[in-house]
Amino acid sequence: MSIISYYNEEEKGKVLEDLTSNVKQIQDDLLKEILTLNSGTEYLQNFLHGSSAKELFKKNLPIVTYKDVKTYIDRVANGEPSNVISALPITNFFNSSGTSGGANKILPTNNKYLDSSASSTDLIAHVIRK
């Protein structure tokens, strides 16, 4: 259950309004949080060398495909520590349906992702009820 589920309908509407009014700032803050939290992971060390600067991230980290990160994901799925790819413990692995490229993909998740997903679902339900 997400924290949003405890809000009344008016509070959910305010959260949604704030999220949609401040998109750029929220995205910048979220990227900073992710980079700060994960700058010590093996994957980001290869590009950022311990830095969490957004400019360095934009300059040094290429747009990647699943194939580019698959070896890191496979290593964690096969028992290596989560900090290969995430500062937070990987708590679940989901499998994609395999419709893109024909093969299933392993998708690592953590509790923070699951909580965010639940909050998003609660906000979507709020919009649908309107």
Protein backbone atom coordinates (compact mmCIF):
# COMPACT_ATOMS: atom_id res chain seq x y z
CA MET A 1 0.00 0.00 0.00
CA SER A 2 1.38 3.42 -0.92
CA ILE A 3 1.39 6.54 1.22
CA ILE A 4 -0.92 8.16 -1.37
CA SER A 5 -3.63 5.62 -0.54
CA TYR A 6 -4.00 7.29 2.88
CA TYR A 7 -4.77 10.69 1.30
CA ASN A 8 -8.32 11.89 0.76
CA GLU A 9 -9.47 12.77 -2.76
CA GLU A 10 -8.73 16.49 -2.34
CA GLU A 11 -5.17 15.76 -1.14
CA LYS A 12 -4.62 13.38 -4.06
CA GLY A 13 -5.75 16.12 -6.44
CA LYS A 14 -3.25 18.55 -4.88
CA VAL A 15 -0.40 16.03 -5.20
CA LEU A 16 -1.31 15.47 -8.85
CA GLU A 17 -1.50 19.23 -9.49
CA ASP A 18 1.93 19.75 -7.88
CA LEU A 19 3.44 16.92 -9.90
CA THR A 20 2.12 18.23 -13.20
CA SER A 21 2.93 21.89 -12.47
CA ASN A 22 6.56 21.35 -11.54
CA VAL A 23 7.62 18.61 -13.94
CA LYS A 24 11.08 19.93 -14.84
CA GLN A 25 12.05 20.62 -11.23
CA ILE A 26 10.74 17.23 -10.11
CA GLN A 27 12.67 15.47 -12.88
CA ASP A 28 15.86 17.38 -12.02
CA ASP A 29 15.46 16.59 -8.32
CA LEU A 30 14.77 12.92 -9.04
CA LEU A 31 17.80 12.60 -11.31
CA LYS A 32 19.98 14.24 -8.65
CA GLU A 33 18.61 11.84 -6.01
CA ILE A 34 19.22 8.80 -8.24
CA LEU A 35 22.75 9.89 -9.17
CA THR A 36 23.67 10.74 -5.57
CA LEU A 37 22.32 7.44 -4.30
CA ASN A 38 23.84 5.28 -7.04
CA SER A 39 27.12 7.06 -7.88
CA GLY A 40 29.06 4.33 -6.07
CA THR A 41 27.60 1.45 -8.07
CA GLU A 42 29.93 -0.39 -10.38
CA TYR A 43 27.89 0.58 -13.43
CA LEU A 44 27.92 4.34 -12.78
CA GLN A 45 31.53 4.28 -11.57
CA ASN A 46 32.47 3.30 -15.13
CA PHE A 47 31.05 6.59 -16.42
CA LEU A 48 30.99 9.05 -13.52
CA HIS A 49 33.96 7.93 -11.41
CA GLY A 50 32.09 8.58 -8.14
CA SER A 51 30.60 11.92 -9.18
CA SER A 52 26.88 12.61 -9.06
CA ALA A 53 26.98 15.73 -11.27
CA LYS A 54 24.12 15.90 -13.76
CA GLU A 55 26.33 17.55 -16.40
CA LEU A 56 28.88 14.73 -16.21
CA PHE A 57 26.07 12.19 -16.43
CA LYS A 58 24.67 13.83 -19.57
CA LYS A 59 28.15 14.06 -21.12
CA ASN A 60 29.52 10.62 -20.23
CA LEU A 61 26.59 8.25 -20.08
CA PRO A 62 25.31 7.18 -23.47
CA ILE A 63 21.76 6.24 -24.25
CA VAL A 64 21.77 2.50 -23.74
CA THR A 65 19.71 -0.48 -24.74
CA TYR A 66 18.88 -3.51 -22.65
CA LYS A 67 21.67 -5.38 -24.41
CA ASP A 68 24.17 -2.79 -23.11
CA VAL A 69 23.26 -3.44 -19.45
CA LYS A 70 22.29 -7.11 -19.68
CA THR A 71 25.63 -8.40 -18.37
CA TYR A 72 25.29 -6.26 -15.22
CA ILE A 73 21.70 -7.41 -14.67
CA ASP A 74 22.64 -11.05 -15.26
CA ARG A 75 25.45 -10.80 -12.72
CA VAL A 76 23.07 -9.58 -10.00
CA ALA A 77 20.43 -12.13 -11.02
CA ASN A 78 23.10 -14.83 -10.65
CA GLY A 79 23.92 -13.82 -7.08
CA GLU A 80 26.41 -10.95 -7.20
CA PRO A 81 25.67 -8.02 -4.85
CA SER A 82 23.03 -5.49 -5.87
CA ASN A 83 25.59 -2.67 -5.81
CA VAL A 84 26.77 -3.73 -9.25
CA ILE A 85 23.76 -1.75 -10.53
CA SER A 86 21.89 -0.32 -7.53
CA ALA A 87 22.71 1.20 -4.15
CA LEU A 88 19.43 -0.22 -2.88
CA PRO A 89 18.99 -3.98 -2.53
CA ILE A 90 17.38 -5.62 -5.54
CA THR A 91 14.31 -7.29 -4.06
CA ASN A 92 12.63 -8.73 -7.15
CA PHE A 93 13.26 -9.65 -10.74
CA PHE A 94 10.40 -9.39 -13.20
CA ASN A 95 10.40 -10.92 -16.66
CA SER A 96 9.14 -8.95 -19.63
CA SER A 97 6.75 -10.57 -22.07
CA GLY A 98 9.47 -10.74 -24.70
CA THR A 99 7.50 -8.92 -27.39
CA SER A 100 10.35 -6.49 -28.10
CA GLY A 101 13.10 -8.39 -29.84
CA GLY A 102 11.51 -11.76 -29.16
CA ALA A 103 13.31 -12.66 -25.92
CA ASN A 104 12.22 -12.12 -22.33
CA LYS A 105 14.16 -9.51 -20.41
CA ILE A 106 14.99 -9.68 -16.71
CA LEU A 107 13.99 -6.44 -14.98
CA PRO A 108 15.49 -5.85 -11.52
CA THR A 109 13.41 -3.87 -9.01
CA ASN A 110 13.70 -2.69 -5.44
CA ASN A 111 11.22 -1.71 -2.76
CA LYS A 112 11.54 2.00 -3.57
CA TYR A 113 10.46 1.30 -7.16
CA LEU A 114 7.55 -0.83 -5.97
CA ASP A 115 6.41 1.94 -3.58
CA SER A 116 6.62 4.53 -6.38
CA SER A 117 4.67 2.27 -8.70
CA ALA A 118 1.93 1.83 -6.09
CA SER A 119 1.73 5.61 -5.59
CA SER A 120 1.43 6.14 -9.35
CA THR A 121 -1.36 3.57 -9.52
CA ASP A 122 -3.21 5.35 -6.69
CA LEU A 123 -2.96 8.68 -8.54
CA ILE A 124 -4.15 7.12 -11.80
CA ALA A 125 -7.14 5.66 -9.95
CA HIS A 126 -7.89 9.14 -8.60
CA VAL A 127 -7.96 10.56 -12.14
CA ILE A 128 -10.17 7.73 -13.40
CA ARG A 129 -12.67 8.30 -10.57
CA LYS A 130 -13.01 11.96 -11.58
